[in-house]
């Protein structure tokens, strides 16, 4: 990227390793009857390989300099659309409709996600309601570990449950910082999020996440302590609730499975109760 001035505010760290780029695309698994959305193509490390293998590619890029370069390189390829837009402002449903994604067998999403907006982008895609098959992304390693963490690990938290509610999360591989230009201050990793076709739990979504958020409110505290005061429960009532669903009140939220959170949520007194708005998922 000689003579290119990187914009720190856009989180520009371009992947230079061809082998890692190939591994990411192999994980995504684009086929000729697939529609692919690429978030932040940058200099095109993934773009060219995806374009060779998929039926149609819509790559969303915010930097006008990169949009111009990519449009020039794909000028003769009608199967590639370079979209000049901010992914956080992009109407994904409108994009899919405009590009006739209904004509393809599956929708897949890929991206080298800027560290500074990882949470909002993942949240936007997962909550968008579009029926993608998988979302393969490269993000900060620490965040990837949290997303894919099983219960019982220190990395398991609210965002682990949030992502795994919508997807099956798989940690694919480490990507060292030396593979990027400019070199970032942290290492990265690739994760694959395979969309669930239905929620893994029975509880109303808002009630479920309201409970999960409360359970993780102070990670070092026990469930019983975190639920004390929640919905007006004193500690004795919180402990009784947990025992009624065969959960030890002394356990911490980081040890619970999605199904165990569901058992608690389904036994809450939900009459006339309205969960608090979730708000932005700013903390991992």
C-alpha atoms as a PDB file:
ATOM      1  CA  UNK A   1       0.000   0.000   0.000  1.00  0.00           C
ATOM      2  CA  UNK A   2       2.718   2.446  -1.028  1.00  0.00           C
ATOM      3  CA  UNK A   3       1.759   6.139  -0.856  1.00  0.00           C
ATOM      4  CA  UNK A   4      -1.511   5.281   0.921  1.00  0.00           C
ATOM      5  CA  UNK A   5      -2.303   7.316   4.031  1.00  0.00           C
ATOM      6  CA  UNK A   6      -4.117   5.161   6.566  1.00  0.00           C
ATOM      7  CA  UNK A   7      -7.033   6.669   8.450  1.00  0.00           C
ATOM      8  CA  UNK A   8      -6.847   5.715  12.116  1.00  0.00           C
ATOM      9  CA  UNK A   9     -10.451   6.779  12.681  1.00  0.00           C
ATOM     10  CA  UNK A  10     -11.622   4.110  10.225  1.00  0.00           C
ATOM     11  CA  UNK A  11      -9.655   1.379  11.985  1.00  0.00           C
ATOM     12  CA  UNK A  12      -7.663   0.628   8.828  1.00  0.00           C
ATOM     13  CA  UNK A  13      -5.324  -2.341   9.307  1.00  0.00           C
ATOM     14  CA  UNK A  14      -5.067  -4.205   6.022  1.00  0.00           C
ATOM     15  CA  UNK A  15      -4.410  -7.934   5.915  1.00  0.00           C
ATOM     16  CA  UNK A  16      -1.290  -8.764   3.885  1.00  0.00           C
ATOM     17  CA  UNK A  17      -1.075 -12.550   4.250  1.00  0.00           C
ATOM     18  CA  UNK A  18      -2.481 -14.378   1.232  1.00  0.00           C
ATOM     19  CA  UNK A  19      -2.565 -17.700   3.079  1.00  0.00           C
ATOM     20  CA  UNK A  20      -4.653 -16.261   5.917  1.00  0.00           C
ATOM     21  CA  UNK A  21      -6.950 -14.531   3.448  1.00  0.00           C
ATOM     22  CA  UNK A  22      -7.414 -17.871   1.688  1.00  0.00           C
ATOM     23  CA  UNK A  23      -8.162 -19.551   5.029  1.00  0.00           C
ATOM     24  CA  UNK A  24     -10.838 -16.974   5.828  1.00  0.00           C
ATOM     25  CA  UNK A  25     -12.504 -17.413   2.444  1.00  0.00           C
ATOM     26  CA  UNK A  26     -12.327 -21.210   2.773  1.00  0.00           C
ATOM     27  CA  UNK A  27     -14.095 -20.899   6.140  1.00  0.00           C
ATOM     28  CA  UNK A  28     -16.756 -18.647   4.611  1.00  0.00           C
ATOM     29  CA  UNK A  29     -17.225 -21.256   1.878  1.00  0.00           C
ATOM     30  CA  UNK A  30     -18.640 -19.131  -0.970  1.00  0.00           C
ATOM     31  CA  UNK A  31     -20.104 -21.032  -3.909  1.00  0.00           C
ATOM     32  CA  UNK A  32     -21.373 -20.001  -7.330  1.00  0.00           C
ATOM     33  CA  UNK A  33     -24.966 -19.995  -6.106  1.00  0.00           C
ATOM     34  CA  UNK A  34     -24.184 -17.823  -3.053  1.00  0.00           C
ATOM     35  CA  UNK A  35     -24.662 -14.102  -2.450  1.00  0.00           C
ATOM     36  CA  UNK A  36     -21.871 -12.633  -0.314  1.00  0.00           C
ATOM     37  CA  UNK A  37     -21.748  -9.374   1.619  1.00  0.00           C
ATOM     38  CA  UNK A  38     -18.236  -8.218   2.505  1.00  0.00           C
ATOM     39  CA  UNK A  39     -17.918  -5.611   5.242  1.00  0.00           C
ATOM     40  CA  UNK A  40     -14.907  -3.332   4.880  1.00  0.00           C
ATOM     41  CA  UNK A  41     -13.034  -4.805   1.911  1.00  0.00           C
ATOM     42  CA  UNK A  42     -10.206  -2.288   2.311  1.00  0.00           C
ATOM     43  CA  UNK A  43      -7.517  -3.015  -0.257  1.00  0.00           C
ATOM     44  CA  UNK A  44      -9.283  -6.198  -1.352  1.00  0.00           C
ATOM     45  CA  UNK A  45      -7.348  -8.928   0.494  1.00  0.00           C
ATOM     46  CA  UNK A  46     -10.486 -11.079   0.662  1.00  0.00           C
ATOM     47  CA  UNK A  47     -12.482  -9.458  -2.104  1.00  0.00           C
ATOM     48  CA  UNK A  48     -10.760 -10.940  -5.135  1.00  0.00           C
ATOM     49  CA  UNK A  49     -10.843 -14.499  -3.833  1.00  0.00           C
ATOM     50  CA  UNK A  50     -14.490 -14.226  -2.758  1.00  0.00           C
ATOM     51  CA  UNK A  51     -15.428 -12.742  -6.138  1.00  0.00           C
ATOM     52  CA  UNK A  52     -13.851 -15.675  -7.955  1.00  0.00           C
ATOM     53  CA  UNK A  53     -15.886 -18.202  -5.996  1.00  0.00           C
ATOM     54  CA  UNK A  54     -19.333 -16.686  -5.353  1.00  0.00           C
ATOM     55  CA  UNK A  55     -22.313 -15.858  -7.537  1.00  0.00           C
ATOM     56  CA  UNK A  56     -22.561 -12.195  -6.527  1.00  0.00           C
ATOM     57  CA  UNK A  57     -20.572  -9.993  -4.150  1.00  0.00           C
ATOM     58  CA  UNK A  58     -21.643  -6.720  -2.543  1.00  0.00           C
ATOM     59  CA  UNK A  59     -18.660  -5.135  -0.774  1.00  0.00           C
ATOM     60  CA  UNK A  60     -19.456  -2.231   1.557  1.00  0.00           C
ATOM     61  CA  UNK A  61     -16.628   0.298   1.978  1.00  0.00           C
ATOM     62  CA  UNK A  62     -16.614   3.703   3.688  1.00  0.00           C
ATOM     63  CA  UNK A  63     -13.304   5.128   2.423  1.00  0.00           C
ATOM     64  CA  UNK A  64     -13.934   6.845  -0.955  1.00  0.00           C
ATOM     65  CA  UNK A  65     -10.309   6.300  -2.016  1.00  0.00           C
ATOM     66  CA  UNK A  66     -10.680   2.534  -1.637  1.00  0.00           C
ATOM     67  CA  UNK A  67     -14.106   2.551  -3.276  1.00  0.00           C
ATOM     68  CA  UNK A  68     -12.603   4.256  -6.327  1.00  0.00           C
ATOM     69  CA  UNK A  69      -9.726   1.771  -6.498  1.00  0.00           C
ATOM     70  CA  UNK A  70     -11.953  -1.279  -6.093  1.00  0.00           C
ATOM     71  CA  UNK A  71     -14.494  -0.033  -8.634  1.00  0.00           C
ATOM     72  CA  UNK A  72     -11.694   0.404 -11.161  1.00  0.00           C
ATOM     73  CA  UNK A  73     -10.398  -3.108 -10.525  1.00  0.00           C
ATOM     74  CA  UNK A  74     -13.854  -4.683 -10.831  1.00  0.00           C
ATOM     75  CA  UNK A  75     -15.140  -2.433 -13.605  1.00  0.00           C
ATOM     76  CA  UNK A  76     -15.580  -5.358 -15.989  1.00  0.00           C
ATOM     77  CA  UNK A  77     -17.140  -7.744 -13.471  1.00  0.00           C
ATOM     78  CA  UNK A  78     -20.957  -7.395 -13.301  1.00  0.00           C
ATOM     79  CA  UNK A  79     -21.073  -9.889 -10.420  1.00  0.00           C
ATOM     80  CA  UNK A  80     -19.271  -7.514  -8.042  1.00  0.00           C
ATOM     81  CA  UNK A  81     -20.893  -4.408  -6.560  1.00  0.00           C
ATOM     82  CA  UNK A  82     -18.719  -1.980  -4.580  1.00  0.00           C
ATOM     83  CA  UNK A  83     -21.068  -0.093  -2.265  1.00  0.00           C
ATOM     84  CA  UNK A  84     -19.916   3.275  -0.931  1.00  0.00           C
ATOM     85  CA  UNK A  85     -21.562   3.353   2.487  1.00  0.00           C
ATOM     86  CA  UNK A  86     -21.132   3.081   6.244  1.00  0.00           C
ATOM     87  CA  UNK A  87     -22.105  -0.438   7.295  1.00  0.00           C
ATOM     88  CA  UNK A  88     -23.791   0.990  10.388  1.00  0.00           C
ATOM     89  CA  UNK A  89     -26.090   3.031   8.142  1.00  0.00           C
ATOM     90  CA  UNK A  90     -26.631   0.371   5.478  1.00  0.00           C
ATOM     91  CA  UNK A  91     -30.117  -1.097   5.252  1.00  0.00           C
ATOM     92  CA  UNK A  92     -29.175  -4.737   4.717  1.00  0.00           C
ATOM     93  CA  UNK A  93     -32.679  -5.756   3.683  1.00  0.00           C
ATOM     94  CA  UNK A  94     -32.765  -3.005   1.087  1.00  0.00           C
ATOM     95  CA  UNK A  95     -29.327  -3.993  -0.187  1.00  0.00           C
ATOM     96  CA  UNK A  96     -30.338  -7.636  -0.598  1.00  0.00           C
ATOM     97  CA  UNK A  97     -33.535  -6.659  -2.366  1.00  0.00           C
ATOM     98  CA  UNK A  98     -31.767  -4.228  -4.698  1.00  0.00           C
ATOM     99  CA  UNK A  99     -29.134  -6.815  -5.635  1.00  0.00           C
ATOM    100  CA  UNK A 100     -31.753  -9.590  -6.077  1.00  0.00           C
ATOM    101  CA  UNK A 101     -30.251 -11.834  -3.416  1.00  0.00           C
ATOM    102  CA  UNK A 102     -33.438 -13.930  -3.495  1.00  0.00           C
ATOM    103  CA  UNK A 103     -32.109 -15.486  -6.688  1.00  0.00           C
ATOM    104  CA  UNK A 104     -29.268 -17.153  -4.818  1.00  0.00           C
ATOM    105  CA  UNK A 105     -29.212 -20.263  -2.647  1.00  0.00           C
ATOM    106  CA  UNK A 106     -27.536 -18.759   0.419  1.00  0.00           C
ATOM    107  CA  UNK A 107     -26.373 -15.434   1.831  1.00  0.00           C
ATOM    108  CA  UNK A 108     -22.957 -15.321   3.484  1.00  0.00           C
ATOM    109  CA  UNK A 109     -21.173 -12.437   5.178  1.00  0.00           C
ATOM    110  CA  UNK A 110     -17.445 -11.809   5.588  1.00  0.00           C
ATOM    111  CA  UNK A 111     -15.321  -9.032   6.959  1.00  0.00           C
ATOM    112  CA  UNK A 112     -12.149  -7.786   8.568  1.00  0.00           C
ATOM    113  CA  UNK A 113     -13.969  -5.769  11.207  1.00  0.00           C
ATOM    114  CA  UNK A 114     -12.428  -2.545  12.616  1.00  0.00           C
ATOM    115  CA  UNK A 115     -11.626  -3.020  16.292  1.00  0.00           C
ATOM    116  CA  UNK A 116     -13.312   0.222  17.334  1.00  0.00           C
ATOM    117  CA  UNK A 117     -16.778  -0.765  16.054  1.00  0.00           C
ATOM    118  CA  UNK A 118     -16.729  -4.546  16.447  1.00  0.00           C
ATOM    119  CA  UNK A 119     -19.629  -4.666  18.888  1.00  0.00           C
ATOM    120  CA  UNK A 120     -22.031  -2.463  16.895  1.00  0.00           C
ATOM    121  CA  UNK A 121     -21.348  -4.300  13.632  1.00  0.00           C
ATOM    122  CA  UNK A 122     -21.875  -7.769  15.087  1.00  0.00           C
ATOM    123  CA  UNK A 123     -25.001  -6.610  16.892  1.00  0.00           C
ATOM    124  CA  UNK A 124     -26.377  -5.017  13.714  1.00  0.00           C
ATOM    125  CA  UNK A 125     -25.902  -8.177  11.665  1.00  0.00           C
ATOM    126  CA  UNK A 126     -27.243 -10.565  14.306  1.00  0.00           C
ATOM    127  CA  UNK A 127     -30.308  -8.446  15.023  1.00  0.00           C
ATOM    128  CA  UNK A 128     -30.975  -7.497  11.385  1.00  0.00           C
ATOM    129  CA  UNK A 129     -33.241 -10.452  10.726  1.00  0.00           C
ATOM    130  CA  UNK A 130     -31.615 -11.247   7.383  1.00  0.00           C
ATOM    131  CA  UNK A 131     -31.353 -14.975   6.764  1.00  0.00           C
ATOM    132  CA  UNK A 132     -27.626 -15.363   6.228  1.00  0.00           C
ATOM    133  CA  UNK A 133     -25.992 -18.783   6.467  1.00  0.00           C
ATOM    134  CA  UNK A 134     -22.766 -17.764   8.182  1.00  0.00           C
ATOM    135  CA  UNK A 135     -20.889 -14.635   9.191  1.00  0.00           C
ATOM    136  CA  UNK A 136     -17.116 -15.214   9.033  1.00  0.00           C
ATOM    137  CA  UNK A 137     -15.137 -12.342  10.458  1.00  0.00           C
ATOM    138  CA  UNK A 138     -11.718 -11.329  11.657  1.00  0.00           C
ATOM    139  CA  UNK A 139     -11.695  -9.345  14.878  1.00  0.00           C
ATOM    140  CA  UNK A 140      -9.526  -8.623  17.899  1.00  0.00           C
ATOM    141  CA  UNK A 141      -8.405 -11.924  19.450  1.00  0.00           C
ATOM    142  CA  UNK A 142      -9.671 -11.064  22.932  1.00  0.00           C
ATOM    143  CA  UNK A 143     -13.137 -10.383  21.584  1.00  0.00           C
ATOM    144  CA  UNK A 144     -13.117 -13.549  19.471  1.00  0.00           C
ATOM    145  CA  UNK A 145     -12.305 -15.611  22.561  1.00  0.00           C
ATOM    146  CA  UNK A 146     -15.242 -14.063  24.402  1.00  0.00           C
ATOM    147  CA  UNK A 147     -17.673 -14.634  21.561  1.00  0.00           C
ATOM    148  CA  UNK A 148     -16.796 -18.317  21.181  1.00  0.00           C
ATOM    149  CA  UNK A 149     -16.230 -19.048  24.867  1.00  0.00           C
ATOM    150  CA  UNK A 150     -18.056 -21.968  26.481  1.00  0.00           C
ATOM    151  CA  UNK A 151     -19.476 -21.627  30.007  1.00  0.00           C
ATOM    152  CA  UNK A 152     -16.949 -21.953  32.795  1.00  0.00           C
ATOM    153  CA  UNK A 153     -14.238 -19.832  31.203  1.00  0.00           C
ATOM    154  CA  UNK A 154     -13.279 -16.380  32.476  1.00  0.00           C
ATOM    155  CA  UNK A 155     -13.862 -15.094  28.945  1.00  0.00           C
ATOM    156  CA  UNK A 156     -17.526 -16.190  29.067  1.00  0.00           C
ATOM    157  CA  UNK A 157     -19.834 -13.254  29.632  1.00  0.00           C
ATOM    158  CA  UNK A 158     -22.908 -11.401  28.487  1.00  0.00           C
ATOM    159  CA  UNK A 159     -21.690 -11.060  24.905  1.00  0.00           C
ATOM    160  CA  UNK A 160     -20.909 -14.788  24.737  1.00  0.00           C
ATOM    161  CA  UNK A 161     -24.530 -15.526  25.567  1.00  0.00           C
ATOM    162  CA  UNK A 162     -25.805 -12.800  23.245  1.00  0.00           C
ATOM    163  CA  UNK A 163     -23.902 -14.092  20.201  1.00  0.00           C
ATOM    164  CA  UNK A 164     -24.544 -17.761  20.968  1.00  0.00           C
ATOM    165  CA  UNK A 165     -28.272 -17.058  21.284  1.00  0.00           C
ATOM    166  CA  UNK A 166     -28.275 -16.112  17.591  1.00  0.00           C
ATOM    167  CA  UNK A 167     -25.432 -18.276  16.275  1.00  0.00           C
ATOM    168  CA  UNK A 168     -23.212 -21.251  16.779  1.00  0.00           C
ATOM    169  CA  UNK A 169     -19.834 -19.605  17.335  1.00  0.00           C
ATOM    170  CA  UNK A 170     -16.616 -21.309  16.260  1.00  0.00           C
ATOM    171  CA  UNK A 171     -13.099 -20.005  16.899  1.00  0.00           C
ATOM    172  CA  UNK A 172     -11.194 -20.736  13.689  1.00  0.00           C
ATOM    173  CA  UNK A 173      -7.622 -19.453  13.957  1.00  0.00           C
ATOM    174  CA  UNK A 174      -5.216 -16.912  15.411  1.00  0.00           C
ATOM    175  CA  UNK A 175      -3.926 -14.091  13.224  1.00  0.00           C
ATOM    176  CA  UNK A 176      -0.786 -12.362  14.500  1.00  0.00           C
ATOM    177  CA  UNK A 177      -0.461  -8.600  14.304  1.00  0.00           C
ATOM    178  CA  UNK A 178       2.544  -8.940  11.977  1.00  0.00           C
ATOM    179  CA  UNK A 179       0.162  -9.933   9.174  1.00  0.00           C
ATOM    180  CA  UNK A 180      -1.288  -6.426   8.917  1.00  0.00           C
ATOM    181  CA  UNK A 181      -0.246  -3.058   7.571  1.00  0.00           C
ATOM    182  CA  UNK A 182       0.012  -0.910   9.564  1.00  0.00           C
ATOM    183  CA  UNK A 183       0.805  -3.283  12.424  1.00  0.00           C
ATOM    184  CA  UNK A 184      -1.941  -3.014  15.092  1.00  0.00           C
ATOM    185  CA  UNK A 185      -1.291  -3.085  18.831  1.00  0.00           C
ATOM    186  CA  UNK A 186      -3.197  -6.354  19.327  1.00  0.00           C
ATOM    187  CA  UNK A 187      -3.513  -9.792  17.741  1.00  0.00           C
ATOM    188  CA  UNK A 188      -6.576 -10.880  15.790  1.00  0.00           C
ATOM    189  CA  UNK A 189      -8.546 -14.074  15.253  1.00  0.00           C
ATOM    190  CA  UNK A 190     -11.093 -15.489  12.849  1.00  0.00           C
ATOM    191  CA  UNK A 191     -14.482 -16.673  14.071  1.00  0.00           C
ATOM    192  CA  UNK A 192     -17.349 -18.255  12.187  1.00  0.00           C
ATOM    193  CA  UNK A 193     -20.893 -17.485  13.295  1.00  0.00           C
ATOM    194  CA  UNK A 194     -23.430 -19.910  11.854  1.00  0.00           C
ATOM    195  CA  UNK A 195     -26.943 -18.493  12.188  1.00  0.00           C
ATOM    196  CA  UNK A 196     -29.469 -20.494  14.175  1.00  0.00           C
ATOM    197  CA  UNK A 197     -32.776 -20.910  12.369  1.00  0.00           C
ATOM    198  CA  UNK A 198     -34.657 -20.617  15.675  1.00  0.00           C
ATOM    199  CA  UNK A 199     -33.807 -19.418  19.191  1.00  0.00           C
ATOM    200  CA  UNK A 200     -32.163 -22.052  21.407  1.00  0.00           C
ATOM    201  CA  UNK A 201     -34.390 -21.082  24.353  1.00  0.00           C
ATOM    202  CA  UNK A 202     -38.129 -20.681  24.923  1.00  0.00           C
ATOM    203  CA  UNK A 203     -38.223 -17.456  26.932  1.00  0.00           C
ATOM    204  CA  UNK A 204     -39.266 -14.131  25.454  1.00  0.00           C
ATOM    205  CA  UNK A 205     -36.099 -12.535  24.072  1.00  0.00           C
ATOM    206  CA  UNK A 206     -36.300  -9.270  26.029  1.00  0.00           C
ATOM    207  CA  UNK A 207     -37.019 -11.031  29.309  1.00  0.00           C
ATOM    208  CA  UNK A 208     -34.213 -13.505  28.665  1.00  0.00           C
ATOM    209  CA  UNK A 209     -31.538 -10.895  27.981  1.00  0.00           C
ATOM    210  CA  UNK A 210     -32.746  -8.710  30.822  1.00  0.00           C
ATOM    211  CA  UNK A 211     -32.101 -11.617  33.180  1.00  0.00           C
ATOM    212  CA  UNK A 212     -28.741 -12.478  31.594  1.00  0.00           C
ATOM    213  CA  UNK A 213     -27.568  -8.877  31.825  1.00  0.00           C
ATOM    214  CA  UNK A 214     -28.534  -8.743  35.508  1.00  0.00           C
ATOM    215  CA  UNK A 215     -26.817 -12.066  36.185  1.00  0.00           C
ATOM    216  CA  UNK A 216     -23.538 -10.715  34.786  1.00  0.00           C
ATOM    217  CA  UNK A 217     -23.880  -7.279  36.391  1.00  0.00           C
ATOM    218  CA  UNK A 218     -21.048  -8.050  38.821  1.00  0.00           C
ATOM    219  CA  UNK A 219     -19.098 -11.017  37.472  1.00  0.00           C
ATOM    220  CA  UNK A 220     -17.301 -11.798  40.732  1.00  0.00           C
ATOM    221  CA  UNK A 221     -20.578 -12.097  42.647  1.00  0.00           C
ATOM    222  CA  UNK A 222     -22.766 -15.179  42.906  1.00  0.00           C
ATOM    223  CA  UNK A 223     -26.034 -15.487  41.031  1.00  0.00           C
ATOM    224  CA  UNK A 224     -27.987 -15.097  44.240  1.00  0.00           C
ATOM    225  CA  UNK A 225     -26.223 -11.841  45.045  1.00  0.00           C
ATOM    226  CA  UNK A 226     -26.657 -10.442  41.535  1.00  0.00           C
ATOM    227  CA  UNK A 227     -30.362 -11.301  41.555  1.00  0.00           C
ATOM    228  CA  UNK A 228     -30.938  -9.764  44.997  1.00  0.00           C
ATOM    229  CA  UNK A 229     -32.980  -6.633  44.406  1.00  0.00           C
ATOM    230  CA  UNK A 230     -33.872  -7.700  40.863  1.00  0.00           C
ATOM    231  CA  UNK A 231     -37.630  -7.406  40.397  1.00  0.00           C
ATOM    232  CA  UNK A 232     -37.842  -6.668  44.118  1.00  0.00           C
ATOM    233  CA  UNK A 233     -36.453 -10.073  45.177  1.00  0.00           C
ATOM    234  CA  UNK A 234     -34.604 -10.300  48.462  1.00  0.00           C
ATOM    235  CA  UNK A 235     -31.723 -12.751  48.746  1.00  0.00           C
ATOM    236  CA  UNK A 236     -33.832 -15.532  50.247  1.00  0.00           C
ATOM    237  CA  UNK A 237     -36.304 -15.322  47.384  1.00  0.00           C
ATOM    238  CA  UNK A 238     -33.500 -15.248  44.802  1.00  0.00           C
ATOM    239  CA  UNK A 239     -31.944 -18.344  46.353  1.00  0.00           C
ATOM    240  CA  UNK A 240     -35.322 -20.122  46.416  1.00  0.00           C
ATOM    241  CA  UNK A 241     -35.875 -19.307  42.739  1.00  0.00           C
ATOM    242  CA  UNK A 242     -32.498 -20.748  41.768  1.00  0.00           C
ATOM    243  CA  UNK A 243     -32.978 -23.913  43.834  1.00  0.00           C
ATOM    244  CA  UNK A 244     -36.414 -24.412  42.258  1.00  0.00           C
ATOM    245  CA  UNK A 245     -34.729 -24.857  38.862  1.00  0.00           C
ATOM    246  CA  UNK A 246     -31.864 -26.997  40.223  1.00  0.00           C
ATOM    247  CA  UNK A 247     -29.219 -24.282  40.111  1.00  0.00           C
ATOM    248  CA  UNK A 248     -26.905 -23.747  43.076  1.00  0.00           C
ATOM    249  CA  UNK A 249     -27.330 -20.118  44.269  1.00  0.00           C
ATOM    250  CA  UNK A 250     -23.573 -19.925  44.919  1.00  0.00           C
ATOM    251  CA  UNK A 251     -22.716 -20.375  41.250  1.00  0.00           C
ATOM    252  CA  UNK A 252     -21.586 -17.445  39.128  1.00  0.00           C
ATOM    253  CA  UNK A 253     -23.189 -16.410  35.853  1.00  0.00           C
ATOM    254  CA  UNK A 254     -20.083 -17.406  33.881  1.00  0.00           C
ATOM    255  CA  UNK A 255     -20.807 -21.077  34.668  1.00  0.00           C
ATOM    256  CA  UNK A 256     -24.361 -21.154  33.291  1.00  0.00           C
ATOM    257  CA  UNK A 257     -25.402 -22.509  29.905  1.00  0.00           C
ATOM    258  CA  UNK A 258     -27.958 -20.772  27.713  1.00  0.00           C
ATOM    259  CA  UNK A 259     -30.477 -23.432  28.740  1.00  0.00           C
ATOM    260  CA  UNK A 260     -29.883 -22.781  32.450  1.00  0.00           C
ATOM    261  CA  UNK A 261     -30.505 -19.062  31.991  1.00  0.00           C
ATOM    262  CA  UNK A 262     -33.694 -20.073  30.196  1.00  0.00           C
ATOM    263  CA  UNK A 263     -34.842 -22.199  33.148  1.00  0.00           C
ATOM    264  CA  UNK A 264     -34.441 -19.239  35.481  1.00  0.00           C
ATOM    265  CA  UNK A 265     -36.153 -16.811  33.106  1.00  0.00           C
ATOM    266  CA  UNK A 266     -39.149 -19.107  32.582  1.00  0.00           C
ATOM    267  CA  UNK A 267     -39.721 -19.256  36.331  1.00  0.00           C
ATOM    268  CA  UNK A 268     -39.609 -15.536  36.984  1.00  0.00           C
ATOM    269  CA  UNK A 269     -42.806 -13.752  37.862  1.00  0.00           C
ATOM    270  CA  UNK A 270     -43.432 -12.032  34.529  1.00  0.00           C
ATOM    271  CA  UNK A 271     -46.882 -10.669  35.288  1.00  0.00           C
ATOM    272  CA  UNK A 272     -47.018  -6.960  34.518  1.00  0.00           C
ATOM    273  CA  UNK A 273     -43.231  -6.862  34.232  1.00  0.00           C
ATOM    274  CA  UNK A 274     -41.514  -4.949  31.458  1.00  0.00           C
ATOM    275  CA  UNK A 275     -37.775  -5.575  31.032  1.00  0.00           C
ATOM    276  CA  UNK A 276     -35.507  -2.576  30.769  1.00  0.00           C
ATOM    277  CA  UNK A 277     -34.424  -1.570  27.248  1.00  0.00           C
ATOM    278  CA  UNK A 278     -31.165  -3.299  26.382  1.00  0.00           C
ATOM    279  CA  UNK A 279     -29.419  -0.194  25.095  1.00  0.00           C
ATOM    280  CA  UNK A 280     -26.141  -0.342  23.169  1.00  0.00           C
ATOM    281  CA  UNK A 281     -23.943  -3.363  23.802  1.00  0.00           C
ATOM    282  CA  UNK A 282     -20.895  -1.272  24.585  1.00  0.00           C
ATOM    283  CA  UNK A 283     -19.259  -3.629  27.089  1.00  0.00           C
ATOM    284  CA  UNK A 284     -17.893  -7.089  26.367  1.00  0.00           C
END
